[in-house]
Amino acid sequence: MRFLILVLSLAACSSNKSGSSDGGSTNPLIAARPYDSFAPSTYVPQTAMPLVVSLHGYGETAFLQDSVFGLSAYAETAGFLVAMPQGLSDSMHHPFWNATDACCDLDHTGVDDVAYLNAVVDDMQAHYNVDPKRIFFVGHSNGGFMSHRMACDASSRIAAIVSLAGAQWKDVSKCKPSAPVAVLQVHGDADTEVPYGGAADLPSAMETVGDWATLDGCAGAVADTGETLDLDTALVGPETHVARASCTAGAAELWTIHGGSHVPSFALPGWPQHFYAFLMAHPKP
């Protein structure tokens, strides 16, 4: 499967290197793979803040992801912490996450990105007052796949994820969450990079959300709610339709961008407001 590599002009963003005041970390995974973080100006150690871990797509960077999603800029307004880790580069010099068999450890390195991202969360908790009930992952493409993987493998600490153009395991038996996780899948039905309707090695967007509805013990199927959103500025009108399952724990929700591509033209700051509202509505119990 080929994945789109974005080439964009980036505006500068403000971020702080992770680690202690001297830039180091006692965790060897973090010492070997530092990451960027952002704390809003309103942060005070006495008050716990939500944490959003932002995961870039294949061939992208943490810096690019932050620019496209507008997370740091919105975090300053909404008051949450952001961690922006970077995937290792493969033999083609493309950063990647080892998420599922479909995406995207193309060299079969077997790198344990679940352990690394858990270490990122640990490190953020060591340096900031992180609300343990509001630890979230947000990812695009390969980062969306990895967000699903983290929900499968680290469900005890992750409250909710947002995946843009990612997918679950094709073999859902590989996903064994120990606790419900709220999942929002956002996907354009004109996506040619990660097909909305799925492929031989990945489930469709609806299957992905349906699998989470089952894993979370939700009642009934994922059904259209009649709700619409205007997320993509390149498309006319409220092009995004909302479907969800009825869940008492966790959540399983699909936002279908009708006519949307692999990289929708999201309005900023409107896009992060929408998905952050979903995250904040689904803390851990």
Protein backbone atom coordinates (compact mmCIF):
# COMPACT_ATOMS: atom_id res chain seq x y z
CA MET A 1 0.00 0.00 0.00
CA ARG A 2 1.36 3.42 -0.90
CA PHE A 3 0.74 6.34 1.41
CA LEU A 4 0.71 10.00 0.51
CA ILE A 5 3.71 12.07 1.58
CA LEU A 6 2.71 15.66 2.20
CA VAL A 7 4.85 18.53 1.00
CA LEU A 8 3.61 21.75 2.57
CA SER A 9 4.96 25.14 3.49
CA LEU A 10 4.93 25.31 7.26
CA ALA A 11 4.39 28.23 9.57
CA ALA A 12 6.54 28.32 12.67
CA CYS A 13 5.09 26.86 15.84
CA SER A 14 6.13 27.08 19.49
CA SER A 15 7.24 23.89 21.20
CA ASN A 16 9.43 22.77 24.07
CA LYS A 17 11.80 19.81 24.02
CA SER A 18 10.77 17.06 26.39
CA GLY A 19 12.79 15.93 29.36
CA SER A 20 14.13 17.56 32.47
CA SER A 21 15.39 21.12 32.70
CA ASP A 22 18.75 20.08 31.27
CA GLY A 23 17.02 18.37 28.32
CA GLY A 24 17.69 14.81 29.53
CA SER A 25 15.45 11.94 30.55
CA THR A 26 15.92 8.97 32.84
CA ASN A 27 13.90 6.78 30.44
CA PRO A 28 16.26 5.22 27.87
CA LEU A 29 13.54 5.14 25.20
CA ILE A 30 13.06 8.89 25.53
CA ALA A 31 16.78 9.59 25.79
CA ALA A 32 17.20 7.77 22.46
CA ARG A 33 14.14 9.32 20.84
CA PRO A 34 13.36 12.80 22.24
CA TYR A 35 10.04 14.37 21.34
CA ASP A 36 8.56 17.86 21.30
CA SER A 37 5.90 19.03 23.73
CA PHE A 38 3.74 22.07 24.24
CA ALA A 39 2.27 23.50 27.43
CA PRO A 40 -0.13 26.45 27.24
CA SER A 41 0.72 29.67 29.05
CA THR A 42 -2.13 28.93 31.49
CA TYR A 43 -0.46 25.75 32.75
CA VAL A 44 0.30 25.66 36.47
CA PRO A 45 1.67 22.55 38.23
CA GLN A 46 -1.14 22.64 40.78
CA THR A 47 -3.83 21.92 38.17
CA ALA A 48 -4.02 18.73 36.12
CA MET A 49 -4.42 19.21 32.35
CA PRO A 50 -5.55 16.84 29.59
CA LEU A 51 -2.80 15.40 27.38
CA VAL A 52 -3.11 14.92 23.62
CA VAL A 53 -0.43 12.81 21.91
CA SER A 54 -0.25 13.79 18.25
CA LEU A 55 0.93 11.17 15.73
CA HIS A 56 2.04 12.09 12.22
CA GLY A 57 1.43 10.09 9.06
CA TYR A 58 3.88 8.03 7.03
CA GLY A 59 6.58 10.23 5.51
CA GLU A 60 5.42 13.19 7.59
CA THR A 61 6.91 14.80 10.68
CA ALA A 62 5.67 15.83 14.10
CA PHE A 63 6.14 19.46 13.07
CA LEU A 64 4.01 19.00 9.96
CA GLN A 65 1.34 17.19 11.92
CA ASP A 66 1.10 20.04 14.40
CA SER A 67 0.75 22.57 11.59
CA VAL A 68 -1.96 20.58 9.75
CA PHE A 69 -3.97 19.76 12.89
CA GLY A 70 -3.40 23.10 14.61
CA LEU A 71 -3.03 21.35 17.96
CA SER A 72 -0.50 23.57 19.70
CA ALA A 73 -2.31 26.72 18.63
CA TYR A 74 -5.62 25.37 19.88
CA ALA A 75 -4.04 24.00 23.07
CA GLU A 76 -3.07 27.54 24.01
CA THR A 77 -6.73 28.53 23.79
CA ALA A 78 -8.39 25.40 25.19
CA GLY A 79 -5.82 24.61 27.86
CA PHE A 80 -4.28 21.19 27.29
CA LEU A 81 -0.84 19.62 26.93
CA VAL A 82 0.46 18.27 23.62
CA ALA A 83 3.16 15.65 23.03
CA MET A 84 4.54 15.45 19.49
CA PRO A 85 6.72 12.34 19.08
CA GLN A 86 8.53 11.42 15.89
CA GLY A 87 8.56 8.01 14.23
CA LEU A 88 11.82 6.40 13.20
CA SER A 89 12.88 6.73 9.55
CA ASP A 90 12.87 3.71 7.28
CA SER A 91 15.31 2.82 4.49
CA MET A 92 13.61 5.41 2.26
CA HIS A 93 14.11 8.06 4.95
CA HIS A 94 10.38 8.22 5.63
CA PRO A 95 9.27 8.49 9.27
CA PHE A 96 6.83 5.73 10.22
CA TRP A 97 4.98 4.02 13.06
CA ASN A 98 4.92 0.24 13.44
CA ALA A 99 1.16 0.09 13.92
CA THR A 100 -0.47 -2.89 12.18
CA ASP A 101 0.49 -5.43 9.55
CA ALA A 102 -1.00 -3.05 6.97
CA CYS A 103 0.91 0.05 8.03
CA CYS A 104 3.72 1.03 8.09
CA ASP A 105 6.86 -0.87 9.11
CA LEU A 106 7.70 -1.54 5.47
CA ASP A 107 11.23 -2.74 6.32
CA HIS A 108 9.93 -5.15 8.97
CA THR A 109 12.18 -3.70 11.66
CA GLY A 110 9.81 -4.76 14.45
CA VAL A 111 10.38 -1.54 16.39
CA ASP A 112 8.18 -1.46 19.50
CA ASP A 113 6.39 1.87 19.06
CA VAL A 114 3.78 0.89 21.65
CA ALA A 115 6.52 0.80 24.30
CA TYR A 116 7.97 4.08 23.00
CA LEU A 117 4.64 5.93 23.05
CA ASN A 118 3.84 4.60 26.51
CA ALA A 119 7.22 6.01 27.53
CA VAL A 120 6.24 9.37 26.02
CA VAL A 121 3.10 9.42 28.18
CA ASP A 122 5.17 8.42 31.22
CA ASP A 123 7.64 11.20 30.50
CA MET A 124 4.90 13.80 30.13
CA GLN A 125 3.46 12.66 33.45
CA ALA A 126 6.90 13.01 35.02
CA HIS A 127 7.26 16.63 33.89
CA TYR A 128 3.68 17.90 33.90
CA ASN A 129 0.55 17.44 35.98
CA VAL A 130 -1.35 15.28 33.49
CA ASP A 131 -5.00 14.44 34.14
CA PRO A 132 -4.90 10.61 34.19
CA LYS A 133 -8.54 10.43 33.09
CA ARG A 134 -7.92 12.54 29.99
CA ILE A 135 -5.03 11.01 28.05
CA PHE A 136 -5.86 11.10 24.35
CA PHE A 137 -4.23 10.12 21.04
CA VAL A 138 -4.87 11.89 17.72
CA GLY A 139 -3.31 10.69 14.47
CA HIS A 140 -3.44 11.01 10.70
CA SER A 141 -2.99 8.10 8.27
CA ASN A 142 -0.15 5.96 9.71
CA GLY A 143 -0.62 7.99 12.90
CA GLY A 144 -4.29 7.03 12.83
CA PHE A 145 -3.35 3.36 12.55
CA MET A 146 -0.99 3.85 15.49
CA SER A 147 -3.69 5.57 17.53
CA HIS A 148 -5.89 2.50 17.03
CA ARG A 149 -2.95 0.27 18.02
CA MET A 150 -2.43 2.25 21.22
CA ALA A 151 -6.14 1.98 22.04
CA CYS A 152 -5.83 -1.78 21.64
CA ASP A 153 -2.61 -2.20 23.63
CA ALA A 154 -2.78 0.61 26.20
CA SER A 155 -6.51 0.88 26.84
CA SER A 156 -6.09 1.07 30.61
CA ARG A 157 -4.58 4.55 30.32
CA ILE A 158 -6.03 5.97 27.07
CA ALA A 159 -9.48 7.52 27.35
CA ALA A 160 -10.15 8.31 23.68
CA ILE A 161 -8.57 8.52 20.25
CA VAL A 162 -9.25 10.36 17.00
CA SER A 163 -8.05 8.66 13.82
CA LEU A 164 -8.08 10.60 10.55
CA ALA A 165 -7.77 8.17 7.63
CA GLY A 166 -6.35 5.34 9.75
CA ALA A 167 -7.74 1.88 10.44
CA GLN A 168 -7.95 -0.96 12.94
CA TRP A 169 -6.30 -4.36 12.54
CA LYS A 170 -7.89 -6.36 9.74
CA ASP A 171 -7.80 -9.32 12.14
CA VAL A 172 -9.58 -7.70 15.07
CA SER A 173 -8.60 -10.61 17.33
CA LYS A 174 -5.18 -8.90 17.53
CA CYS A 175 -6.84 -6.03 19.41
CA LYS A 176 -7.34 -6.96 23.06
CA PRO A 177 -8.25 -3.85 25.08
CA SER A 178 -8.59 -4.37 28.83
CA ALA A 179 -10.94 -1.38 29.16
CA PRO A 180 -13.30 0.55 26.86
CA VAL A 181 -11.81 3.34 24.74
CA ALA A 182 -13.78 6.07 22.98
CA VAL A 183 -12.96 6.00 19.27
CA LEU A 184 -13.68 8.62 16.62
CA GLN A 185 -12.82 7.65 13.06
CA VAL A 186 -12.80 10.55 10.55
CA HIS A 187 -12.49 9.44 6.94
CA GLY A 188 -13.10 10.85 3.47
CA ASP A 189 -15.02 8.51 1.20
CA ALA A 190 -12.88 9.67 -1.75
CA ASP A 191 -9.63 8.71 -0.02
CA THR A 192 -7.45 6.78 -2.49
CA GLU A 193 -4.48 6.30 -0.14
CA VAL A 194 -6.26 4.51 2.72
CA PRO A 195 -9.54 3.51 1.02
CA TYR A 196 -12.70 4.33 2.95
CA GLY A 197 -14.17 1.02 1.79
CA GLY A 198 -11.14 -0.95 2.95
CA ALA A 199 -8.78 -3.29 1.12
CA ALA A 200 -7.36 -6.79 1.42
CA ASP A 201 -5.14 -5.83 4.36
CA LEU A 202 -7.31 -3.29 6.15
CA PRO A 203 -10.94 -2.96 7.24
CA SER A 204 -13.27 -0.28 5.94
CA ALA A 205 -13.94 2.83 8.01
CA MET A 206 -17.33 1.41 9.02
CA GLU A 207 -15.79 -1.96 9.92
CA THR A 208 -13.16 -0.22 12.03
CA VAL A 209 -15.82 1.62 14.03
CA GLY A 210 -18.05 -1.43 14.16
CA ASP A 211 -15.19 -3.47 15.59
CA TRP A 212 -14.73 -0.87 18.32
CA ALA A 213 -18.45 -0.90 19.05
CA THR A 214 -18.14 -4.63 19.69
CA LEU A 215 -14.95 -4.28 21.73
CA ASP A 216 -16.55 -1.54 23.86
CA GLY A 217 -19.69 -3.60 24.40
CA CYS A 218 -21.96 -1.07 22.68
CA ALA A 219 -25.57 -1.87 21.87
CA GLY A 220 -26.67 -2.19 18.27
CA ALA A 221 -24.96 -1.24 15.04
CA VAL A 222 -23.18 1.98 14.10
CA ALA A 223 -26.01 4.06 12.62
CA ASP A 224 -26.41 7.42 10.90
CA THR A 225 -27.52 10.05 13.42
CA GLY A 226 -28.66 12.65 10.89
CA GLU A 227 -26.08 15.06 12.28
CA THR A 228 -23.84 16.90 9.82
CA LEU A 229 -20.68 18.98 10.13
CA ASP A 230 -18.86 21.35 7.80
CA LEU A 231 -15.24 20.30 8.23
CA ASP A 232 -13.71 20.43 4.74
CA THR A 233 -13.40 23.94 3.32
CA ALA A 234 -12.82 22.54 -0.18
CA LEU A 235 -16.30 21.00 -0.23
CA VAL A 236 -19.61 22.85 -0.33
CA GLY A 237 -21.90 22.79 2.69
CA PRO A 238 -22.01 20.43 5.67
CA GLU A 239 -20.36 17.50 3.87
CA THR A 240 -19.57 15.37 6.91
CA HIS A 241 -22.16 12.90 8.22
CA VAL A 242 -22.02 11.50 11.76
CA ALA A 243 -22.72 7.87 12.63
CA ARG A 244 -22.34 6.25 16.06
CA ALA A 245 -23.21 3.25 18.16
CA SER A 246 -25.08 3.44 21.45
CA CYS A 247 -22.42 2.93 24.13
CA THR A 248 -22.53 3.08 27.90
CA ALA A 249 -18.73 2.85 28.12
CA GLY A 250 -16.26 4.10 25.56
CA ALA A 251 -17.65 5.28 22.22
CA ALA A 252 -17.65 4.26 18.57
CA GLU A 253 -18.24 7.11 16.14
CA LEU A 254 -17.63 7.65 12.41
CA TRP A 255 -17.50 11.02 10.68
CA THR A 256 -17.69 10.43 6.93
CA ILE A 257 -16.43 13.32 4.80
CA HIS A 258 -18.42 12.86 1.58
CA GLY A 259 -16.05 13.71 -1.26
CA GLY A 260 -13.17 14.05 1.19
CA SER A 261 -9.64 13.01 0.22
CA HIS A 262 -6.80 11.54 2.27
CA VAL A 263 -5.83 15.05 3.35
CA PRO A 264 -9.00 17.12 3.82
CA SER A 265 -8.85 20.91 3.72
CA PHE A 266 -9.68 21.53 7.35
CA ALA A 267 -10.52 24.98 8.64
CA LEU A 268 -8.39 26.12 11.57
CA PRO A 269 -9.24 26.47 14.40
CA GLY A 270 -12.63 24.87 13.62
CA TRP A 271 -11.29 21.35 13.05
CA PRO A 272 -9.46 20.94 16.38
CA GLN A 273 -12.47 22.37 18.22
CA HIS A 274 -14.67 19.59 16.83
CA PHE A 275 -12.40 16.66 17.59
CA TYR A 276 -11.23 18.02 20.95
CA ALA A 277 -14.87 18.34 22.02
CA PHE A 278 -15.27 14.61 21.27
CA LEU A 279 -12.19 13.77 23.33
CA MET A 280 -13.23 15.86 26.31
CA ALA A 281 -16.69 14.30 26.29
CA HIS A 282 -15.12 10.86 26.87
CA PRO A 283 -12.80 10.81 29.89
CA LYS A 284 -11.96 7.64 31.74
CA PRO A 285 -14.55 6.86 34.45
